[in-house]
């Protein structure tokens, strides 16, 4: 079974996003993605955070905000 995205947050320019997801075992994780509008290939992971395991969606989001610089800039 694949992960199910519960929250997806894009930056202001729309070229980066962070997905918070839940695994089949009930644990959570996150991944940062990037896309280049001009090439049309879609989103691809850039930091490979997805192997980290968190007990709650809130924990995963907090860790994403502490590790992904644009999340702090875009929310402030």
PDB file of N, CA and C in Angstrom:
ATOM      1  N   UNK A   1       0.844  -1.184   0.000  1.00  0.00           N
ATOM      2  CA  UNK A   1       0.000   0.000   0.000  1.00  0.00           C
ATOM      3  C   UNK A   1       0.887   1.244   0.000  1.00  0.00           C
ATOM      4  N   UNK A   2       0.498   2.229  -0.761  1.00  0.00           N
ATOM      5  CA  UNK A   2       1.307   3.445  -0.848  1.00  0.00           C
ATOM      6  C   UNK A   2       0.902   4.437   0.250  1.00  0.00           C
ATOM      7  N   UNK A   3       1.762   5.427   0.424  1.00  0.00           N
ATOM      8  CA  UNK A   3       1.478   6.490   1.382  1.00  0.00           C
ATOM      9  C   UNK A   3       0.309   7.333   0.882  1.00  0.00           C
ATOM     10  N   UNK A   4      -0.446   7.906   1.821  1.00  0.00           N
ATOM     11  CA  UNK A   4      -1.569   8.779   1.473  1.00  0.00           C
ATOM     12  C   UNK A   4      -1.260  10.196   1.957  1.00  0.00           C
ATOM     13  N   UNK A   5      -1.248  11.129   1.039  1.00  0.00           N
ATOM     14  CA  UNK A   5      -0.956  12.523   1.368  1.00  0.00           C
ATOM     15  C   UNK A   5      -2.151  13.096   2.133  1.00  0.00           C
ATOM     16  N   UNK A   6      -1.850  13.716   3.298  1.00  0.00           N
ATOM     17  CA  UNK A   6      -2.900  14.334   4.104  1.00  0.00           C
ATOM     18  C   UNK A   6      -2.851  15.858   4.023  1.00  0.00           C
ATOM     19  N   UNK A   7      -1.686  16.406   3.697  1.00  0.00           N
ATOM     20  CA  UNK A   7      -1.516  17.848   3.544  1.00  0.00           C
ATOM     21  C   UNK A   7      -0.439  18.098   2.499  1.00  0.00           C
ATOM     22  N   UNK A   8      -0.689  19.058   1.610  1.00  0.00           N
ATOM     23  CA  UNK A   8       0.298  19.455   0.623  1.00  0.00           C
ATOM     24  C   UNK A   8       0.408  20.977   0.661  1.00  0.00           C
ATOM     25  N   UNK A   9       1.616  21.479   0.849  1.00  0.00           N
ATOM     26  CA  UNK A   9       1.847  22.914   0.996  1.00  0.00           C
ATOM     27  C   UNK A   9       2.815  23.361  -0.088  1.00  0.00           C
ATOM     28  N   UNK A  10       2.387  24.318  -0.924  1.00  0.00           N
ATOM     29  CA  UNK A  10       3.244  24.868  -1.984  1.00  0.00           C
ATOM     30  C   UNK A  10       3.843  26.192  -1.541  1.00  0.00           C
ATOM     31  N   UNK A  11       5.027  26.496  -2.071  1.00  0.00           N
ATOM     32  CA  UNK A  11       5.608  27.819  -1.819  1.00  0.00           C
ATOM     33  C   UNK A  11       4.897  28.860  -2.672  1.00  0.00           C
ATOM     34  N   UNK A  12       5.246  30.119  -2.458  1.00  0.00           N
ATOM     35  CA  UNK A  12       4.557  31.215  -3.142  1.00  0.00           C
ATOM     36  C   UNK A  12       4.752  31.212  -4.654  1.00  0.00           C
ATOM     37  N   UNK A  13       5.863  30.668  -5.130  1.00  0.00           N
ATOM     38  CA  UNK A  13       6.113  30.656  -6.578  1.00  0.00           C
ATOM     39  C   UNK A  13       5.604  29.384  -7.266  1.00  0.00           C
ATOM     40  N   UNK A  14       5.146  28.413  -6.480  1.00  0.00           N
ATOM     41  CA  UNK A  14       4.578  27.202  -7.050  1.00  0.00           C
ATOM     42  C   UNK A  14       5.573  26.229  -7.628  1.00  0.00           C
ATOM     43  N   UNK A  15       6.855  26.372  -7.261  1.00  0.00           N
ATOM     44  CA  UNK A  15       7.847  25.438  -7.804  1.00  0.00           C
ATOM     45  C   UNK A  15       8.392  24.466  -6.758  1.00  0.00           C
ATOM     46  N   UNK A  16       7.920  24.593  -5.522  1.00  0.00           N
ATOM     47  CA  UNK A  16       8.303  23.659  -4.461  1.00  0.00           C
ATOM     48  C   UNK A  16       7.078  23.352  -3.619  1.00  0.00           C
ATOM     49  N   UNK A  17       7.054  22.153  -3.075  1.00  0.00           N
ATOM     50  CA  UNK A  17       5.975  21.797  -2.157  1.00  0.00           C
ATOM     51  C   UNK A  17       6.492  20.787  -1.147  1.00  0.00           C
ATOM     52  N   UNK A  18       5.770  20.695  -0.055  1.00  0.00           N
ATOM     53  CA  UNK A  18       6.015  19.675   0.953  1.00  0.00           C
ATOM     54  C   UNK A  18       4.716  18.900   1.125  1.00  0.00           C
ATOM     55  N   UNK A  19       4.810  17.589   1.043  1.00  0.00           N
ATOM     56  CA  UNK A  19       3.673  16.715   1.308  1.00  0.00           C
ATOM     57  C   UNK A  19       3.866  16.061   2.661  1.00  0.00           C
ATOM     58  N   UNK A  20       2.840  16.140   3.490  1.00  0.00           N
ATOM     59  CA  UNK A  20       2.781  15.380   4.737  1.00  0.00           C
ATOM     60  C   UNK A  20       1.924  14.164   4.420  1.00  0.00           C
ATOM     61  N   UNK A  21       2.406  12.970   4.770  1.00  0.00           N
ATOM     62  CA  UNK A  21       1.681  11.755   4.408  1.00  0.00           C
ATOM     63  C   UNK A  21       1.579  10.805   5.574  1.00  0.00           C
ATOM     64  N   UNK A  22       0.620   9.900   5.476  1.00  0.00           N
ATOM     65  CA  UNK A  22       0.445   8.838   6.454  1.00  0.00           C
ATOM     66  C   UNK A  22       0.732   7.511   5.761  1.00  0.00           C
ATOM     67  N   UNK A  23       1.450   6.657   6.461  1.00  0.00           N
ATOM     68  CA  UNK A  23       1.784   5.321   5.950  1.00  0.00           C
ATOM     69  C   UNK A  23       0.701   4.317   6.361  1.00  0.00           C
ATOM     70  N   UNK A  24       0.738   3.157   5.774  1.00  0.00           N
ATOM     71  CA  UNK A  24      -0.223   2.090   6.092  1.00  0.00           C
ATOM     72  C   UNK A  24      -0.172   1.702   7.567  1.00  0.00           C
ATOM     73  N   UNK A  25       0.993   1.858   8.204  1.00  0.00           N
ATOM     74  CA  UNK A  25       1.117   1.484   9.619  1.00  0.00           C
ATOM     75  C   UNK A  25       0.672   2.595  10.574  1.00  0.00           C
ATOM     76  N   UNK A  26       0.183   3.719  10.021  1.00  0.00           N
ATOM     77  CA  UNK A  26      -0.314   4.807  10.856  1.00  0.00           C
ATOM     78  C   UNK A  26       0.721   5.843  11.245  1.00  0.00           C
ATOM     79  N   UNK A  27       1.974   5.645  10.843  1.00  0.00           N
ATOM     80  CA  UNK A  27       2.995   6.662  11.109  1.00  0.00           C
ATOM     81  C   UNK A  27       2.970   7.707  10.000  1.00  0.00           C
ATOM     82  N   UNK A  28       3.607   8.836  10.276  1.00  0.00           N
ATOM     83  CA  UNK A  28       3.598   9.954   9.343  1.00  0.00           C
ATOM     84  C   UNK A  28       5.007  10.278   8.869  1.00  0.00           C
ATOM     85  N   UNK A  29       5.068  10.993   7.759  1.00  0.00           N
ATOM     86  CA  UNK A  29       6.332  11.457   7.225  1.00  0.00           C
ATOM     87  C   UNK A  29       6.090  12.666   6.348  1.00  0.00           C
ATOM     88  N   UNK A  30       7.168  13.189   5.782  1.00  0.00           N
ATOM     89  CA  UNK A  30       7.039  14.303   4.844  1.00  0.00           C
ATOM     90  C   UNK A  30       8.129  14.216   3.803  1.00  0.00           C
ATOM     91  N   UNK A  31       7.887  14.898   2.687  1.00  0.00           N
ATOM     92  CA  UNK A  31       8.871  14.990   1.618  1.00  0.00           C
ATOM     93  C   UNK A  31       8.750  16.358   0.956  1.00  0.00           C
ATOM     94  N   UNK A  32       9.898  16.897   0.548  1.00  0.00           N
ATOM     95  CA  UNK A  32       9.931  18.142  -0.207  1.00  0.00           C
ATOM     96  C   UNK A  32      10.109  17.814  -1.682  1.00  0.00           C
ATOM     97  N   UNK A  33       9.354  18.510  -2.537  1.00  0.00           N
ATOM     98  CA  UNK A  33       9.394  18.291  -3.974  1.00  0.00           C
ATOM     99  C   UNK A  33       9.664  19.599  -4.702  1.00  0.00           C
ATOM    100  N   UNK A  34      10.162  19.460  -5.913  1.00  0.00           N
ATOM    101  CA  UNK A  34      10.419  20.605  -6.779  1.00  0.00           C
ATOM    102  C   UNK A  34       9.880  20.287  -8.172  1.00  0.00           C
ATOM    103  N   UNK A  35       9.482  21.329  -8.878  1.00  0.00           N
ATOM    104  CA  UNK A  35       9.127  21.153 -10.284  1.00  0.00           C
ATOM    105  C   UNK A  35       9.633  22.356 -11.062  1.00  0.00           C
ATOM    106  N   UNK A  36       9.978  22.098 -12.301  1.00  0.00           N
ATOM    107  CA  UNK A  36      10.397  23.149 -13.222  1.00  0.00           C
ATOM    108  C   UNK A  36       9.257  23.341 -14.205  1.00  0.00           C
ATOM    109  N   UNK A  37       8.606  24.490 -14.139  1.00  0.00           N
ATOM    110  CA  UNK A  37       7.431  24.748 -14.977  1.00  0.00           C
ATOM    111  C   UNK A  37       7.729  24.571 -16.464  1.00  0.00           C
ATOM    112  N   UNK A  38       8.929  24.949 -16.882  1.00  0.00           N
ATOM    113  CA  UNK A  38       9.236  24.908 -18.307  1.00  0.00           C
ATOM    114  C   UNK A  38       9.454  23.506 -18.876  1.00  0.00           C
ATOM    115  N   UNK A  39       9.781  22.513 -18.038  1.00  0.00           N
ATOM    116  CA  UNK A  39      10.027  21.187 -18.605  1.00  0.00           C
ATOM    117  C   UNK A  39       8.810  20.263 -18.572  1.00  0.00           C
ATOM    118  N   UNK A  40       7.809  20.573 -17.748  1.00  0.00           N
ATOM    119  CA  UNK A  40       6.578  19.793 -17.733  1.00  0.00           C
ATOM    120  C   UNK A  40       6.687  18.383 -17.193  1.00  0.00           C
ATOM    121  N   UNK A  41       7.772  18.039 -16.531  1.00  0.00           N
ATOM    122  CA  UNK A  41       7.961  16.678 -16.027  1.00  0.00           C
ATOM    123  C   UNK A  41       7.287  16.434 -14.684  1.00  0.00           C
ATOM    124  N   UNK A  42       6.781  17.473 -14.054  1.00  0.00           N
ATOM    125  CA  UNK A  42       6.088  17.296 -12.783  1.00  0.00           C
ATOM    126  C   UNK A  42       7.010  17.403 -11.575  1.00  0.00           C
ATOM    127  N   UNK A  43       6.496  16.956 -10.458  1.00  0.00           N
ATOM    128  CA  UNK A  43       7.196  17.061  -9.178  1.00  0.00           C
ATOM    129  C   UNK A  43       8.208  15.930  -9.003  1.00  0.00           C
ATOM    130  N   UNK A  44       9.358  16.256  -8.368  1.00  0.00           N
ATOM    131  CA  UNK A  44      10.312  15.217  -8.010  1.00  0.00           C
ATOM    132  C   UNK A  44      10.930  15.551  -6.653  1.00  0.00           C
ATOM    133  N   UNK A  45      11.236  14.514  -5.845  1.00  0.00           N
ATOM    134  CA  UNK A  45      11.776  14.757  -4.499  1.00  0.00           C
ATOM    135  C   UNK A  45      13.169  15.365  -4.583  1.00  0.00           C
ATOM    136  N   UNK A  46      13.471  16.246  -3.623  1.00  0.00           N
ATOM    137  CA  UNK A  46      14.789  16.886  -3.655  1.00  0.00           C
ATOM    138  C   UNK A  46      15.607  16.711  -2.382  1.00  0.00           C
ATOM    139  N   UNK A  47      14.998  16.334  -1.278  1.00  0.00           N
ATOM    140  CA  UNK A  47      15.779  16.202  -0.039  1.00  0.00           C
ATOM    141  C   UNK A  47      15.661  14.845   0.625  1.00  0.00           C
ATOM    142  N   UNK A  48      14.774  14.009   0.164  1.00  0.00           N
ATOM    143  CA  UNK A  48      14.654  12.628   0.629  1.00  0.00           C
ATOM    144  C   UNK A  48      14.460  12.517   2.146  1.00  0.00           C
ATOM    145  N   UNK A  49      13.474  13.265   2.634  1.00  0.00           N
ATOM    146  CA  UNK A  49      13.094  13.202   4.047  1.00  0.00           C
ATOM    147  C   UNK A  49      12.129  12.058   4.342  1.00  0.00           C
ATOM    148  N   UNK A  50      11.612  11.418   3.331  1.00  0.00           N
ATOM    149  CA  UNK A  50      10.473  10.512   3.493  1.00  0.00           C
ATOM    150  C   UNK A  50      10.738   9.278   4.362  1.00  0.00           C
ATOM    151  N   UNK A  51      11.972   8.953   4.631  1.00  0.00           N
ATOM    152  CA  UNK A  51      12.267   7.779   5.465  1.00  0.00           C
ATOM    153  C   UNK A  51      12.132   8.066   6.958  1.00  0.00           C
ATOM    154  N   UNK A  52      12.048   9.333   7.328  1.00  0.00           N
ATOM    155  CA  UNK A  52      11.881   9.684   8.731  1.00  0.00           C
ATOM    156  C   UNK A  52      10.464   9.341   9.172  1.00  0.00           C
ATOM    157  N   UNK A  53      10.324   8.918  10.428  1.00  0.00           N
ATOM    158  CA  UNK A  53       9.044   8.443  10.943  1.00  0.00           C
ATOM    159  C   UNK A  53       8.609   9.316  12.114  1.00  0.00           C
ATOM    160  N   UNK A  54       7.332   9.735  12.073  1.00  0.00           N
ATOM    161  CA  UNK A  54       6.762  10.567  13.125  1.00  0.00           C
ATOM    162  C   UNK A  54       5.446   9.955  13.587  1.00  0.00           C
ATOM    163  N   UNK A  55       5.129  10.160  14.853  1.00  0.00           N
ATOM    164  CA  UNK A  55       3.911   9.577  15.419  1.00  0.00           C
ATOM    165  C   UNK A  55       2.643  10.302  14.997  1.00  0.00           C
ATOM    166  N   UNK A  56       2.755  11.610  14.730  1.00  0.00           N
ATOM    167  CA  UNK A  56       1.561  12.390  14.400  1.00  0.00           C
ATOM    168  C   UNK A  56       1.806  13.269  13.168  1.00  0.00           C
ATOM    169  N   UNK A  57       0.713  13.691  12.560  1.00  0.00           N
ATOM    170  CA  UNK A  57       0.792  14.630  11.448  1.00  0.00           C
ATOM    171  C   UNK A  57       1.424  15.944  11.912  1.00  0.00           C
ATOM    172  N   UNK A  58       1.080  16.363  13.105  1.00  0.00           N
ATOM    173  CA  UNK A  58       1.604  17.614  13.654  1.00  0.00           C
ATOM    174  C   UNK A  58       3.122  17.551  13.836  1.00  0.00           C
ATOM    175  N   UNK A  59       3.624  16.408  14.296  1.00  0.00           N
ATOM    176  CA  UNK A  59       5.080  16.238  14.447  1.00  0.00           C
ATOM    177  C   UNK A  59       5.780  16.301  13.093  1.00  0.00           C
ATOM    178  N   UNK A  60       5.202  15.653  12.098  1.00  0.00           N
ATOM    179  CA  UNK A  60       5.797  15.671  10.755  1.00  0.00           C
ATOM    180  C   UNK A  60       5.813  17.097  10.205  1.00  0.00           C
ATOM    181  N   UNK A  61       4.726  17.830  10.384  1.00  0.00           N
ATOM    182  CA  UNK A  61       4.661  19.209   9.906  1.00  0.00           C
ATOM    183  C   UNK A  61       5.668  20.091  10.632  1.00  0.00           C
ATOM    184  N   UNK A  62       5.787  19.936  11.931  1.00  0.00           N
ATOM    185  CA  UNK A  62       6.751  20.730  12.699  1.00  0.00           C
ATOM    186  C   UNK A  62       8.177  20.467  12.228  1.00  0.00           C
ATOM    187  N   UNK A  63       8.503  19.217  11.966  1.00  0.00           N
ATOM    188  CA  UNK A  63       9.848  18.890  11.492  1.00  0.00           C
ATOM    189  C   UNK A  63      10.078  19.426  10.081  1.00  0.00           C
ATOM    190  N   UNK A  64       9.057  19.361   9.245  1.00  0.00           N
ATOM    191  CA  UNK A  64       9.181  19.930   7.896  1.00  0.00           C
ATOM    192  C   UNK A  64       9.483  21.425   7.996  1.00  0.00           C
ATOM    193  N   UNK A  65       8.750  22.128   8.851  1.00  0.00           N
ATOM    194  CA  UNK A  65       8.959  23.567   9.014  1.00  0.00           C
ATOM    195  C   UNK A  65      10.351  23.881   9.568  1.00  0.00           C
ATOM    196  N   UNK A  66      10.906  22.983  10.349  1.00  0.00           N
ATOM    197  CA  UNK A  66      12.236  23.231  10.907  1.00  0.00           C
ATOM    198  C   UNK A  66      13.363  22.904   9.920  1.00  0.00           C
ATOM    199  N   UNK A  67      13.058  22.139   8.868  1.00  0.00           N
ATOM    200  CA  UNK A  67      14.102  21.707   7.937  1.00  0.00           C
ATOM    201  C   UNK A  67      14.000  22.313   6.539  1.00  0.00           C
ATOM    202  N   UNK A  68      12.840  22.800   6.166  1.00  0.00           N
ATOM    203  CA  UNK A  68      12.627  23.328   4.819  1.00  0.00           C
ATOM    204  C   UNK A  68      12.557  24.848   4.916  1.00  0.00           C
ATOM    205  N   UNK A  69      13.619  25.512   4.474  1.00  0.00           N
ATOM    206  CA  UNK A  69      13.783  26.951   4.696  1.00  0.00           C
ATOM    207  C   UNK A  69      12.641  27.779   4.135  1.00  0.00           C
ATOM    208  N   UNK A  70      12.136  27.475   2.953  1.00  0.00           N
ATOM    209  CA  UNK A  70      11.098  28.314   2.348  1.00  0.00           C
ATOM    210  C   UNK A  70       9.795  28.264   3.121  1.00  0.00           C
ATOM    211  N   UNK A  71       9.557  27.209   3.900  1.00  0.00           N
ATOM    212  CA  UNK A  71       8.322  27.139   4.685  1.00  0.00           C
ATOM    213  C   UNK A  71       8.285  28.237   5.746  1.00  0.00           C
ATOM    214  N   UNK A  72       9.426  28.559   6.318  1.00  0.00           N
ATOM    215  CA  UNK A  72       9.498  29.624   7.310  1.00  0.00           C
ATOM    216  C   UNK A  72       9.326  30.978   6.627  1.00  0.00           C
ATOM    217  N   UNK A  73       9.994  31.173   5.502  1.00  0.00           N
ATOM    218  CA  UNK A  73       9.926  32.439   4.764  1.00  0.00           C
ATOM    219  C   UNK A  73       8.496  32.695   4.273  1.00  0.00           C
ATOM    220  N   UNK A  74       7.849  31.683   3.680  1.00  0.00           N
ATOM    221  CA  UNK A  74       6.506  31.856   3.118  1.00  0.00           C
ATOM    222  C   UNK A  74       5.446  32.064   4.187  1.00  0.00           C
ATOM    223  N   UNK A  75       5.663  31.517   5.391  1.00  0.00           N
ATOM    224  CA  UNK A  75       4.646  31.667   6.438  1.00  0.00           C
ATOM    225  C   UNK A  75       4.869  32.912   7.282  1.00  0.00           C
ATOM    226  N   UNK A  76       6.028  33.545   7.165  1.00  0.00           N
ATOM    227  CA  UNK A  76       6.333  34.699   8.002  1.00  0.00           C
ATOM    228  C   UNK A  76       6.074  35.930   7.315  1.00  0.00           C
TER     229      UNK A  76
END
